[in-house]
Amino acid sequence: PQLAEMFCTIDSFDTHAKIPEYFASVDAAAKKGGNVSIISVGWDPGMF
């Protein structure tokens, strides 16, 4: 969330059970900064 407000970001957050709350926190920050942040990128979560 901290960096999504300043930059477009990519991360590989992989604690599956916490993805919904993590998405919400990053979404609010990215919208505030006018950026795009793609979360939980990798092979699982991600390609799988």
ModelCIF file with pLDDT and N, C-alpha, C, O atoms, coordinates in Angstrom:
data_MODEL
#
_entry.id   MODEL 
#
_entity.id                         1 
_entity.type                       polymer 
_entity.pdbx_number_of_molecules   1 
#
_entity_poly.entity_id                      1 
_entity_poly.type                           'polypeptide(L)' 
_entity_poly.nstd_linkage                   no 
_entity_poly.nstd_monomer                   no 
_entity_poly.pdbx_seq_one_letter_code       PQLAEMFCTIDSFDTHAKIPEYFASVDAAAKKGGNVSIISVGWDPGMF 
_entity_poly.pdbx_seq_one_letter_code_can   PQLAEMFCTIDSFDTHAKIPEYFASVDAAAKKGGNVSIISVGWDPGMF 
_entity_poly.pdbx_strand_id                 A 
#
loop_
_entity_poly_seq.entity_id 
_entity_poly_seq.num 
_entity_poly_seq.mon_id 
_entity_poly_seq.hetero 
1 1  PRO n 
1 2  GLN n 
1 3  LEU n 
1 4  ALA n 
1 5  GLU n 
1 6  MET n 
1 7  PHE n 
1 8  CYS n 
1 9  THR n 
1 10 ILE n 
1 11 ASP n 
1 12 SER n 
1 13 PHE n 
1 14 ASP n 
1 15 THR n 
1 16 HIS n 
1 17 ALA n 
1 18 LYS n 
1 19 ILE n 
1 20 PRO n 
1 21 GLU n 
1 22 TYR n 
1 23 PHE n 
1 24 ALA n 
1 25 SER n 
1 26 VAL n 
1 27 ASP n 
1 28 ALA n 
1 29 ALA n 
1 30 ALA n 
1 31 LYS n 
1 32 LYS n 
1 33 GLY n 
1 34 GLY n 
1 35 ASN n 
1 36 VAL n 
1 37 SER n 
1 38 ILE n 
1 39 ILE n 
1 40 SER n 
1 41 VAL n 
1 42 GLY n 
1 43 TRP n 
1 44 ASP n 
1 45 PRO n 
1 46 GLY n 
1 47 MET n 
1 48 PHE n 
#
_struct_asym.id          A 
_struct_asym.entity_id   1 
#
loop_
_ma_qa_metric.id 
_ma_qa_metric.mode 
_ma_qa_metric.name 
_ma_qa_metric.software_group_id 
_ma_qa_metric.type 
1 global pLDDT . pLDDT 
2 local  pLDDT . pLDDT 
#
_ma_qa_metric_global.metric_id      1 
_ma_qa_metric_global.metric_value   97.08 
_ma_qa_metric_global.model_id       1 
_ma_qa_metric_global.ordinal_id     1 
#
loop_
_ma_qa_metric_local.label_asym_id 
_ma_qa_metric_local.label_comp_id 
_ma_qa_metric_local.label_seq_id 
_ma_qa_metric_local.metric_id 
_ma_qa_metric_local.metric_value 
_ma_qa_metric_local.model_id 
_ma_qa_metric_local.ordinal_id 
A PRO 1  2 98.00 1 1  
A GLN 2  2 98.00 1 2  
A LEU 3  2 98.00 1 3  
A ALA 4  2 98.00 1 4  
A GLU 5  2 98.00 1 5  
A MET 6  2 98.00 1 6  
A PHE 7  2 98.00 1 7  
A CYS 8  2 98.00 1 8  
A THR 9  2 98.00 1 9  
A ILE 10 2 98.00 1 10 
A ASP 11 2 98.00 1 11 
A SER 12 2 97.00 1 12 
A PHE 13 2 97.00 1 13 
A ASP 14 2 91.00 1 14 
A THR 15 2 90.00 1 15 
A HIS 16 2 91.00 1 16 
A ALA 17 2 92.00 1 17 
A LYS 18 2 96.00 1 18 
A ILE 19 2 98.00 1 19 
A PRO 20 2 98.00 1 20 
A GLU 21 2 98.00 1 21 
A TYR 22 2 98.00 1 22 
A PHE 23 2 98.00 1 23 
A ALA 24 2 98.00 1 24 
A SER 25 2 98.00 1 25 
A VAL 26 2 98.00 1 26 
A ASP 27 2 98.00 1 27 
A ALA 28 2 98.00 1 28 
A ALA 29 2 98.00 1 29 
A ALA 30 2 98.00 1 30 
A LYS 31 2 98.00 1 31 
A LYS 32 2 98.00 1 32 
A GLY 33 2 98.00 1 33 
A GLY 34 2 98.00 1 34 
A ASN 35 2 98.00 1 35 
A VAL 36 2 98.00 1 36 
A SER 37 2 98.00 1 37 
A ILE 38 2 98.00 1 38 
A ILE 39 2 98.00 1 39 
A SER 40 2 98.00 1 40 
A VAL 41 2 98.00 1 41 
A GLY 42 2 97.00 1 42 
A TRP 43 2 95.00 1 43 
A ASP 44 2 94.00 1 44 
A PRO 45 2 96.00 1 45 
A GLY 46 2 97.00 1 46 
A MET 47 2 98.00 1 47 
A PHE 48 2 97.00 1 48 
#
loop_
_atom_site.group_PDB 
_atom_site.id 
_atom_site.type_symbol 
_atom_site.label_atom_id 
_atom_site.label_alt_id 
_atom_site.label_comp_id 
_atom_site.label_asym_id 
_atom_site.label_entity_id 
_atom_site.label_seq_id 
_atom_site.pdbx_PDB_ins_code 
_atom_site.Cartn_x 
_atom_site.Cartn_y 
_atom_site.Cartn_z 
_atom_site.occupancy 
_atom_site.B_iso_or_equiv 
_atom_site.pdbx_formal_charge 
_atom_site.auth_seq_id 
_atom_site.auth_comp_id 
_atom_site.auth_asym_id 
_atom_site.auth_atom_id 
_atom_site.pdbx_PDB_model_num 
ATOM 1   N N  . PRO A 1 1  ? 0.808  -1.231  0.000   1.00 98.00 ? 1  PRO A N  1 
ATOM 2   C CA . PRO A 1 1  ? 0.000  0.000   0.000   1.00 98.00 ? 1  PRO A CA 1 
ATOM 3   C C  . PRO A 1 1  ? 0.838  1.278   0.000   1.00 98.00 ? 1  PRO A C  1 
ATOM 4   O O  . PRO A 1 1  ? 0.502  2.253   -0.672  1.00 98.00 ? 1  PRO A O  1 
ATOM 5   N N  . GLN A 1 2  ? 1.916  1.260   0.750   1.00 98.00 ? 2  GLN A N  1 
ATOM 6   C CA . GLN A 1 2  ? 2.762  2.450   0.858   1.00 98.00 ? 2  GLN A CA 1 
ATOM 7   C C  . GLN A 1 2  ? 3.318  2.862   -0.497  1.00 98.00 ? 2  GLN A C  1 
ATOM 8   O O  . GLN A 1 2  ? 3.288  4.042   -0.845  1.00 98.00 ? 2  GLN A O  1 
ATOM 9   N N  . LEU A 1 3  ? 3.823  1.910   -1.260  1.00 98.00 ? 3  LEU A N  1 
ATOM 10  C CA . LEU A 1 3  ? 4.476  2.228   -2.526  1.00 98.00 ? 3  LEU A CA 1 
ATOM 11  C C  . LEU A 1 3  ? 3.488  2.360   -3.678  1.00 98.00 ? 3  LEU A C  1 
ATOM 12  O O  . LEU A 1 3  ? 3.784  3.024   -4.671  1.00 98.00 ? 3  LEU A O  1 
ATOM 13  N N  . ALA A 1 4  ? 2.305  1.728   -3.558  1.00 98.00 ? 4  ALA A N  1 
ATOM 14  C CA . ALA A 1 4  ? 1.292  1.851   -4.612  1.00 98.00 ? 4  ALA A CA 1 
ATOM 15  C C  . ALA A 1 4  ? 0.774  3.272   -4.747  1.00 98.00 ? 4  ALA A C  1 
ATOM 16  O O  . ALA A 1 4  ? 0.289  3.665   -5.808  1.00 98.00 ? 4  ALA A O  1 
ATOM 17  N N  . GLU A 1 5  ? 0.876  4.035   -3.682  1.00 98.00 ? 5  GLU A N  1 
ATOM 18  C CA . GLU A 1 5  ? 0.434  5.429   -3.749  1.00 98.00 ? 5  GLU A CA 1 
ATOM 19  C C  . GLU A 1 5  ? 1.423  6.287   -4.537  1.00 98.00 ? 5  GLU A C  1 
ATOM 20  O O  . GLU A 1 5  ? 1.056  7.332   -5.074  1.00 98.00 ? 5  GLU A O  1 
ATOM 21  N N  . MET A 1 6  ? 2.682  5.839   -4.603  1.00 98.00 ? 6  MET A N  1 
ATOM 22  C CA . MET A 1 6  ? 3.724  6.620   -5.270  1.00 98.00 ? 6  MET A CA 1 
ATOM 23  C C  . MET A 1 6  ? 4.083  6.114   -6.665  1.00 98.00 ? 6  MET A C  1 
ATOM 24  O O  . MET A 1 6  ? 4.496  6.891   -7.526  1.00 98.00 ? 6  MET A O  1 
ATOM 25  N N  . PHE A 1 7  ? 3.923  4.791   -6.885  1.00 98.00 ? 7  PHE A N  1 
ATOM 26  C CA . PHE A 1 7  ? 4.383  4.167   -8.128  1.00 98.00 ? 7  PHE A CA 1 
ATOM 27  C C  . PHE A 1 7  ? 3.348  3.174   -8.655  1.00 98.00 ? 7  PHE A C  1 
ATOM 28  O O  . PHE A 1 7  ? 2.485  2.712   -7.908  1.00 98.00 ? 7  PHE A O  1 
ATOM 29  N N  . CYS A 1 8  ? 3.437  2.855   -9.927  1.00 98.00 ? 8  CYS A N  1 
ATOM 30  C CA . CYS A 1 8  ? 2.810  1.633   -10.431 1.00 98.00 ? 8  CYS A CA 1 
ATOM 31  C C  . CYS A 1 8  ? 3.649  0.465   -9.914  1.00 98.00 ? 8  CYS A C  1 
ATOM 32  O O  . CYS A 1 8  ? 4.877  0.501   -10.002 1.00 98.00 ? 8  CYS A O  1 
ATOM 33  N N  . THR A 1 9  ? 3.007  -0.558  -9.383  1.00 98.00 ? 9  THR A N  1 
ATOM 34  C CA . THR A 1 9  ? 3.760  -1.636  -8.737  1.00 98.00 ? 9  THR A CA 1 
ATOM 35  C C  . THR A 1 9  ? 3.295  -3.012  -9.187  1.00 98.00 ? 9  THR A C  1 
ATOM 36  O O  . THR A 1 9  ? 2.169  -3.191  -9.653  1.00 98.00 ? 9  THR A O  1 
ATOM 37  N N  . ILE A 1 10 ? 4.195  -3.979  -9.034  1.00 98.00 ? 10 ILE A N  1 
ATOM 38  C CA . ILE A 1 10 ? 3.918  -5.400  -9.212  1.00 98.00 ? 10 ILE A CA 1 
ATOM 39  C C  . ILE A 1 10 ? 4.433  -6.102  -7.970  1.00 98.00 ? 10 ILE A C  1 
ATOM 40  O O  . ILE A 1 10 ? 5.530  -5.788  -7.507  1.00 98.00 ? 10 ILE A O  1 
ATOM 41  N N  . ASP A 1 11 ? 3.677  -7.047  -7.412  1.00 98.00 ? 11 ASP A N  1 
ATOM 42  C CA . ASP A 1 11 ? 4.203  -7.808  -6.287  1.00 98.00 ? 11 ASP A CA 1 
ATOM 43  C C  . ASP A 1 11 ? 3.757  -9.255  -6.381  1.00 98.00 ? 11 ASP A C  1 
ATOM 44  O O  . ASP A 1 11 ? 2.918  -9.613  -7.207  1.00 98.00 ? 11 ASP A O  1 
ATOM 45  N N  . SER A 1 12 ? 4.339  -10.087 -5.512  1.00 97.00 ? 12 SER A N  1 
ATOM 46  C CA . SER A 1 12 ? 4.014  -11.520 -5.523  1.00 97.00 ? 12 SER A CA 1 
ATOM 47  C C  . SER A 1 12 ? 3.434  -11.951 -4.177  1.00 97.00 ? 12 SER A C  1 
ATOM 48  O O  . SER A 1 12 ? 3.743  -13.036 -3.684  1.00 97.00 ? 12 SER A O  1 
ATOM 49  N N  . PHE A 1 13 ? 2.599  -11.109 -3.587  1.00 97.00 ? 13 PHE A N  1 
ATOM 50  C CA . PHE A 1 13 ? 1.975  -11.440 -2.301  1.00 97.00 ? 13 PHE A CA 1 
ATOM 51  C C  . PHE A 1 13 ? 1.284  -12.808 -2.408  1.00 97.00 ? 13 PHE A C  1 
ATOM 52  O O  . PHE A 1 13 ? 0.405  -12.993 -3.250  1.00 97.00 ? 13 PHE A O  1 
ATOM 53  N N  . ASP A 1 14 ? 1.679  -13.759 -1.562  1.00 91.00 ? 14 ASP A N  1 
ATOM 54  C CA . ASP A 1 14 ? 1.202  -15.130 -1.759  1.00 91.00 ? 14 ASP A CA 1 
ATOM 55  C C  . ASP A 1 14 ? 0.558  -15.769 -0.533  1.00 91.00 ? 14 ASP A C  1 
ATOM 56  O O  . ASP A 1 14 ? 0.430  -16.992 -0.469  1.00 91.00 ? 14 ASP A O  1 
ATOM 57  N N  . THR A 1 15 ? 0.155  -14.955 0.438   1.00 90.00 ? 15 THR A N  1 
ATOM 58  C CA . THR A 1 15 ? -0.607 -15.507 1.556   1.00 90.00 ? 15 THR A CA 1 
ATOM 59  C C  . THR A 1 15 ? -2.072 -15.560 1.116   1.00 90.00 ? 15 THR A C  1 
ATOM 60  O O  . THR A 1 15 ? -2.813 -14.592 1.286   1.00 90.00 ? 15 THR A O  1 
ATOM 61  N N  . HIS A 1 16 ? -2.479 -16.688 0.553   1.00 91.00 ? 16 HIS A N  1 
ATOM 62  C CA . HIS A 1 16 ? -3.774 -16.810 -0.122  1.00 91.00 ? 16 HIS A CA 1 
ATOM 63  C C  . HIS A 1 16 ? -4.938 -16.322 0.745   1.00 91.00 ? 16 HIS A C  1 
ATOM 64  O O  . HIS A 1 16 ? -5.829 -15.630 0.252   1.00 91.00 ? 16 HIS A O  1 
ATOM 65  N N  . ALA A 1 17 ? -4.934 -16.671 2.006   1.00 92.00 ? 17 ALA A N  1 
ATOM 66  C CA . ALA A 1 17 ? -6.062 -16.338 2.877   1.00 92.00 ? 17 ALA A CA 1 
ATOM 67  C C  . ALA A 1 17 ? -6.213 -14.831 3.085   1.00 92.00 ? 17 ALA A C  1 
ATOM 68  O O  . ALA A 1 17 ? -7.297 -14.357 3.426   1.00 92.00 ? 17 ALA A O  1 
ATOM 69  N N  . LYS A 1 18 ? -5.133 -14.079 2.883   1.00 96.00 ? 18 LYS A N  1 
ATOM 70  C CA . LYS A 1 18 ? -5.180 -12.641 3.147   1.00 96.00 ? 18 LYS A CA 1 
ATOM 71  C C  . LYS A 1 18 ? -5.221 -11.797 1.873   1.00 96.00 ? 18 LYS A C  1 
ATOM 72  O O  . LYS A 1 18 ? -5.157 -10.570 1.948   1.00 96.00 ? 18 LYS A O  1 
ATOM 73  N N  . ILE A 1 19 ? -5.325 -12.432 0.710   1.00 98.00 ? 19 ILE A N  1 
ATOM 74  C CA . ILE A 1 19 ? -5.323 -11.678 -0.547  1.00 98.00 ? 19 ILE A CA 1 
ATOM 75  C C  . ILE A 1 19 ? -6.468 -10.661 -0.622  1.00 98.00 ? 19 ILE A C  1 
ATOM 76  O O  . ILE A 1 19 ? -6.220 -9.528  -1.035  1.00 98.00 ? 19 ILE A O  1 
ATOM 77  N N  . PRO A 1 20 ? -7.713 -11.004 -0.245  1.00 98.00 ? 20 PRO A N  1 
ATOM 78  C CA . PRO A 1 20 ? -8.788 -10.005 -0.360  1.00 98.00 ? 20 PRO A CA 1 
ATOM 79  C C  . PRO A 1 20 ? -8.514 -8.716  0.420   1.00 98.00 ? 20 PRO A C  1 
ATOM 80  O O  . PRO A 1 20 ? -8.738 -7.623  -0.099  1.00 98.00 ? 20 PRO A O  1 
ATOM 81  N N  . GLU A 1 21 ? -8.035 -8.835  1.651   1.00 98.00 ? 21 GLU A N  1 
ATOM 82  C CA . GLU A 1 21 ? -7.778 -7.631  2.444   1.00 98.00 ? 21 GLU A CA 1 
ATOM 83  C C  . GLU A 1 21 ? -6.543 -6.895  1.928   1.00 98.00 ? 21 GLU A C  1 
ATOM 84  O O  . GLU A 1 21 ? -6.486 -5.666  1.980   1.00 98.00 ? 21 GLU A O  1 
ATOM 85  N N  . TYR A 1 22 ? -5.560 -7.638  1.434   1.00 98.00 ? 22 TYR A N  1 
ATOM 86  C CA . TYR A 1 22 ? -4.377 -7.000  0.862   1.00 98.00 ? 22 TYR A CA 1 
ATOM 87  C C  . TYR A 1 22 ? -4.752 -6.235  -0.406  1.00 98.00 ? 22 TYR A C  1 
ATOM 88  O O  . TYR A 1 22 ? -4.306 -5.106  -0.609  1.00 98.00 ? 22 TYR A O  1 
ATOM 89  N N  . PHE A 1 23 ? -5.570 -6.852  -1.257  1.00 98.00 ? 23 PHE A N  1 
ATOM 90  C CA . PHE A 1 23 ? -6.038 -6.187  -2.479  1.00 98.00 ? 23 PHE A CA 1 
ATOM 91  C C  . PHE A 1 23 ? -6.729 -4.867  -2.132  1.00 98.00 ? 23 PHE A C  1 
ATOM 92  O O  . PHE A 1 23 ? -6.479 -3.843  -2.768  1.00 98.00 ? 23 PHE A O  1 
ATOM 93  N N  . ALA A 1 24 ? -7.594 -4.899  -1.125  1.00 98.00 ? 24 ALA A N  1 
ATOM 94  C CA . ALA A 1 24 ? -8.352 -3.700  -0.761  1.00 98.00 ? 24 ALA A CA 1 
ATOM 95  C C  . ALA A 1 24 ? -7.427 -2.569  -0.313  1.00 98.00 ? 24 ALA A C  1 
ATOM 96  O O  . ALA A 1 24 ? -7.645 -1.411  -0.669  1.00 98.00 ? 24 ALA A O  1 
ATOM 97  N N  . SER A 1 25 ? -6.408 -2.897  0.460   1.00 98.00 ? 25 SER A N  1 
ATOM 98  C CA . SER A 1 25 ? -5.502 -1.856  0.964   1.00 98.00 ? 25 SER A CA 1 
ATOM 99  C C  . SER A 1 25 ? -4.654 -1.273  -0.165  1.00 98.00 ? 25 SER A C  1 
ATOM 100 O O  . SER A 1 25 ? -4.419 -0.066  -0.208  1.00 98.00 ? 25 SER A O  1 
ATOM 101 N N  . VAL A 1 26 ? -4.194 -2.134  -1.083  1.00 98.00 ? 26 VAL A N  1 
ATOM 102 C CA . VAL A 1 26 ? -3.402 -1.651  -2.218  1.00 98.00 ? 26 VAL A CA 1 
ATOM 103 C C  . VAL A 1 26 ? -4.277 -0.868  -3.187  1.00 98.00 ? 26 VAL A C  1 
ATOM 104 O O  . VAL A 1 26 ? -3.841 0.137   -3.750  1.00 98.00 ? 26 VAL A O  1 
ATOM 105 N N  . ASP A 1 27 ? -5.507 -1.323  -3.380  1.00 98.00 ? 27 ASP A N  1 
ATOM 106 C CA . ASP A 1 27 ? -6.427 -0.647  -4.303  1.00 98.00 ? 27 ASP A CA 1 
ATOM 107 C C  . ASP A 1 27 ? -6.684 0.793   -3.865  1.00 98.00 ? 27 ASP A C  1 
ATOM 108 O O  . ASP A 1 27 ? -6.654 1.710   -4.686  1.00 98.00 ? 27 ASP A O  1 
ATOM 109 N N  . ALA A 1 28 ? -6.935 0.988   -2.581  1.00 98.00 ? 28 ALA A N  1 
ATOM 110 C CA . ALA A 1 28 ? -7.194 2.337   -2.069  1.00 98.00 ? 28 ALA A CA 1 
ATOM 111 C C  . ALA A 1 28 ? -5.989 3.240   -2.278  1.00 98.00 ? 28 ALA A C  1 
ATOM 112 O O  . ALA A 1 28 ? -6.131 4.396   -2.675  1.00 98.00 ? 28 ALA A O  1 
ATOM 113 N N  . ALA A 1 29 ? -4.796 2.707   -2.007  1.00 98.00 ? 29 ALA A N  1 
ATOM 114 C CA . ALA A 1 29 ? -3.578 3.508   -2.146  1.00 98.00 ? 29 ALA A CA 1 
ATOM 115 C C  . ALA A 1 29 ? -3.284 3.828   -3.604  1.00 98.00 ? 29 ALA A C  1 
ATOM 116 O O  . ALA A 1 29 ? -2.921 4.957   -3.935  1.00 98.00 ? 29 ALA A O  1 
ATOM 117 N N  . ALA A 1 30 ? -3.443 2.822   -4.488  1.00 98.00 ? 30 ALA A N  1 
ATOM 118 C CA . ALA A 1 30 ? -3.145 3.031   -5.908  1.00 98.00 ? 30 ALA A CA 1 
ATOM 119 C C  . ALA A 1 30 ? -4.111 4.035   -6.533  1.00 98.00 ? 30 ALA A C  1 
ATOM 120 O O  . ALA A 1 30 ? -3.707 4.866   -7.346  1.00 98.00 ? 30 ALA A O  1 
ATOM 121 N N  . LYS A 1 31 ? -5.365 3.958   -6.161  1.00 98.00 ? 31 LYS A N  1 
ATOM 122 C CA . LYS A 1 31 ? -6.339 4.920   -6.682  1.00 98.00 ? 31 LYS A CA 1 
ATOM 123 C C  . LYS A 1 31 ? -6.038 6.327   -6.184  1.00 98.00 ? 31 LYS A C  1 
ATOM 124 O O  . LYS A 1 31 ? -6.193 7.298   -6.924  1.00 98.00 ? 31 LYS A O  1 
ATOM 125 N N  . LYS A 1 32 ? -5.614 6.434   -4.952  1.00 98.00 ? 32 LYS A N  1 
ATOM 126 C CA . LYS A 1 32 ? -5.271 7.744   -4.398  1.00 98.00 ? 32 LYS A CA 1 
ATOM 127 C C  . LYS A 1 32 ? -4.116 8.372   -5.170  1.00 98.00 ? 32 LYS A C  1 
ATOM 128 O O  . LYS A 1 32 ? -4.101 9.580   -5.406  1.00 98.00 ? 32 LYS A O  1 
ATOM 129 N N  . GLY A 1 33 ? -3.143 7.538   -5.564  1.00 98.00 ? 33 GLY A N  1 
ATOM 130 C CA . GLY A 1 33 ? -1.985 8.049   -6.285  1.00 98.00 ? 33 GLY A CA 1 
ATOM 131 C C  . GLY A 1 33 ? -2.140 8.051   -7.793  1.00 98.00 ? 33 GLY A C  1 
ATOM 132 O O  . GLY A 1 33 ? -1.259 8.534   -8.504  1.00 98.00 ? 33 GLY A O  1 
ATOM 133 N N  . GLY A 1 34 ? -3.264 7.510   -8.301  1.00 98.00 ? 34 GLY A N  1 
ATOM 134 C CA . GLY A 1 34 ? -3.473 7.437   -9.739  1.00 98.00 ? 34 GLY A CA 1 
ATOM 135 C C  . GLY A 1 34 ? -2.588 6.416   -10.426 1.00 98.00 ? 34 GLY A C  1 
ATOM 136 O O  . GLY A 1 34 ? -2.205 6.596   -11.582 1.00 98.00 ? 34 GLY A O  1 
ATOM 137 N N  . ASN A 1 35 ? -2.258 5.330   -9.707  1.00 98.00 ? 35 ASN A N  1 
ATOM 138 C CA . ASN A 1 35 ? -1.347 4.304   -10.239 1.00 98.00 ? 35 ASN A CA 1 
ATOM 139 C C  . ASN A 1 35 ? -2.055 2.974   -10.458 1.00 98.00 ? 35 ASN A C  1 
ATOM 140 O O  . ASN A 1 35 ? -3.171 2.767   -9.980  1.00 98.00 ? 35 ASN A O  1 
ATOM 141 N N  . VAL A 1 36 ? -1.401 2.081   -11.179 1.00 98.00 ? 36 VAL A N  1 
ATOM 142 C CA . VAL A 1 36 ? -1.874 0.713   -11.378 1.00 98.00 ? 36 VAL A CA 1 
ATOM 143 C C  . VAL A 1 36 ? -0.963 -0.224  -10.598 1.00 98.00 ? 36 VAL A C  1 
ATOM 144 O O  . VAL A 1 36 ? 0.257  -0.173  -10.755 1.00 98.00 ? 36 VAL A O  1 
ATOM 145 N N  . SER A 1 37 ? -1.540 -1.079  -9.760  1.00 98.00 ? 37 SER A N  1 
ATOM 146 C CA . SER A 1 37 ? -0.769 -2.049  -8.986  1.00 98.00 ? 37 SER A CA 1 
ATOM 147 C C  . SER A 1 37 ? -1.355 -3.440  -9.206  1.00 98.00 ? 37 SER A C  1 
ATOM 148 O O  . SER A 1 37 ? -2.524 -3.684  -8.907  1.00 98.00 ? 37 SER A O  1 
ATOM 149 N N  . ILE A 1 38 ? -0.546 -4.333  -9.725  1.00 98.00 ? 38 ILE A N  1 
ATOM 150 C CA . ILE A 1 38 ? -1.001 -5.713  -9.945  1.00 98.00 ? 38 ILE A CA 1 
ATOM 151 C C  . ILE A 1 38 ? -0.421 -6.561  -8.828  1.00 98.00 ? 38 ILE A C  1 
ATOM 152 O O  . ILE A 1 38 ? 0.796  -6.669  -8.683  1.00 98.00 ? 38 ILE A O  1 
ATOM 153 N N  . ILE A 1 39 ? -1.306 -7.164  -8.038  1.00 98.00 ? 39 ILE A N  1 
ATOM 154 C CA . ILE A 1 39 ? -0.874 -7.903  -6.848  1.00 98.00 ? 39 ILE A CA 1 
ATOM 155 C C  . ILE A 1 39 ? -0.876 -9.411  -7.102  1.00 98.00 ? 39 ILE A C  1 
ATOM 156 O O  . ILE A 1 39 ? -1.484 -9.902  -8.054  1.00 98.00 ? 39 ILE A O  1 
ATOM 157 N N  . SER A 1 40 ? -0.177 -10.128 -6.220  1.00 98.00 ? 40 SER A N  1 
ATOM 158 C CA . SER A 1 40 ? -0.197 -11.595 -6.194  1.00 98.00 ? 40 SER A CA 1 
ATOM 159 C C  . SER A 1 40 ? 0.146  -12.196 -7.552  1.00 98.00 ? 40 SER A C  1 
ATOM 160 O O  . SER A 1 40 ? -0.527 -13.105 -8.036  1.00 98.00 ? 40 SER A O  1 
ATOM 161 N N  . VAL A 1 41 ? 1.203  -11.669 -8.151  1.00 98.00 ? 41 VAL A N  1 
ATOM 162 C CA . VAL A 1 41 ? 1.689  -12.138 -9.448  1.00 98.00 ? 41 VAL A CA 1 
ATOM 163 C C  . VAL A 1 41 ? 2.776  -13.182 -9.230  1.00 98.00 ? 41 VAL A C  1 
ATOM 164 O O  . VAL A 1 41 ? 3.696  -12.968 -8.441  1.00 98.00 ? 41 VAL A O  1 
ATOM 165 N N  . GLY A 1 42 ? 2.676  -14.282 -9.910  1.00 97.00 ? 42 GLY A N  1 
ATOM 166 C CA . GLY A 1 42 ? 3.648  -15.364 -9.800  1.00 97.00 ? 42 GLY A CA 1 
ATOM 167 C C  . GLY A 1 42 ? 3.047  -16.591 -10.446 1.00 97.00 ? 42 GLY A C  1 
ATOM 168 O O  . GLY A 1 42 ? 2.221  -16.484 -11.353 1.00 97.00 ? 42 GLY A O  1 
ATOM 169 N N  . TRP A 1 43 ? 3.464  -17.773 -9.973  1.00 95.00 ? 43 TRP A N  1 
ATOM 170 C CA . TRP A 1 43 ? 2.842  -18.964 -10.553 1.00 95.00 ? 43 TRP A CA 1 
ATOM 171 C C  . TRP A 1 43 ? 1.740  -19.522 -9.674  1.00 95.00 ? 43 TRP A C  1 
ATOM 172 O O  . TRP A 1 43 ? 0.835  -20.179 -10.188 1.00 95.00 ? 43 TRP A O  1 
ATOM 173 N N  . ASP A 1 44 ? 1.779  -19.283 -8.352  1.00 94.00 ? 44 ASP A N  1 
ATOM 174 C CA . ASP A 1 44 ? 0.616  -19.545 -7.516  1.00 94.00 ? 44 ASP A CA 1 
ATOM 175 C C  . ASP A 1 44 ? 0.765  -18.776 -6.209  1.00 94.00 ? 44 ASP A C  1 
ATOM 176 O O  . ASP A 1 44 ? 1.570  -19.141 -5.353  1.00 94.00 ? 44 ASP A O  1 
ATOM 177 N N  . PRO A 1 45 ? -0.011 -17.717 -6.063  1.00 96.00 ? 45 PRO A N  1 
ATOM 178 C CA . PRO A 1 45 ? -1.051 -17.209 -6.968  1.00 96.00 ? 45 PRO A CA 1 
ATOM 179 C C  . PRO A 1 45 ? -0.442 -16.622 -8.241  1.00 96.00 ? 45 PRO A C  1 
ATOM 180 O O  . PRO A 1 45 ? 0.692  -16.142 -8.254  1.00 96.00 ? 45 PRO A O  1 
ATOM 181 N N  . GLY A 1 46 ? -1.241 -16.680 -9.311  1.00 97.00 ? 46 GLY A N  1 
ATOM 182 C CA . GLY A 1 46 ? -0.788 -16.177 -10.594 1.00 97.00 ? 46 GLY A CA 1 
ATOM 183 C C  . GLY A 1 46 ? -1.193 -17.106 -11.718 1.00 97.00 ? 46 GLY A C  1 
ATOM 184 O O  . GLY A 1 46 ? -2.378 -17.220 -12.034 1.00 97.00 ? 46 GLY A O  1 
ATOM 185 N N  . MET A 1 47 ? -0.212 -17.779 -12.333 1.00 98.00 ? 47 MET A N  1 
ATOM 186 C CA . MET A 1 47 ? -0.500 -18.647 -13.477 1.00 98.00 ? 47 MET A CA 1 
ATOM 187 C C  . MET A 1 47 ? -1.437 -19.800 -13.101 1.00 98.00 ? 47 MET A C  1 
ATOM 188 O O  . MET A 1 47 ? -2.326 -20.162 -13.872 1.00 98.00 ? 47 MET A O  1 
ATOM 189 N N  . PHE A 1 48 ? -1.230 -20.370 -11.913 1.00 97.00 ? 48 PHE A N  1 
ATOM 190 C CA . PHE A 1 48 ? -2.133 -21.431 -11.465 1.00 97.00 ? 48 PHE A CA 1 
ATOM 191 C C  . PHE A 1 48 ? -3.543 -20.892 -11.233 1.00 97.00 ? 48 PHE A C  1 
ATOM 192 O O  . PHE A 1 48 ? -4.438 -21.647 -10.853 1.00 97.00 ? 48 PHE A O  1 
#
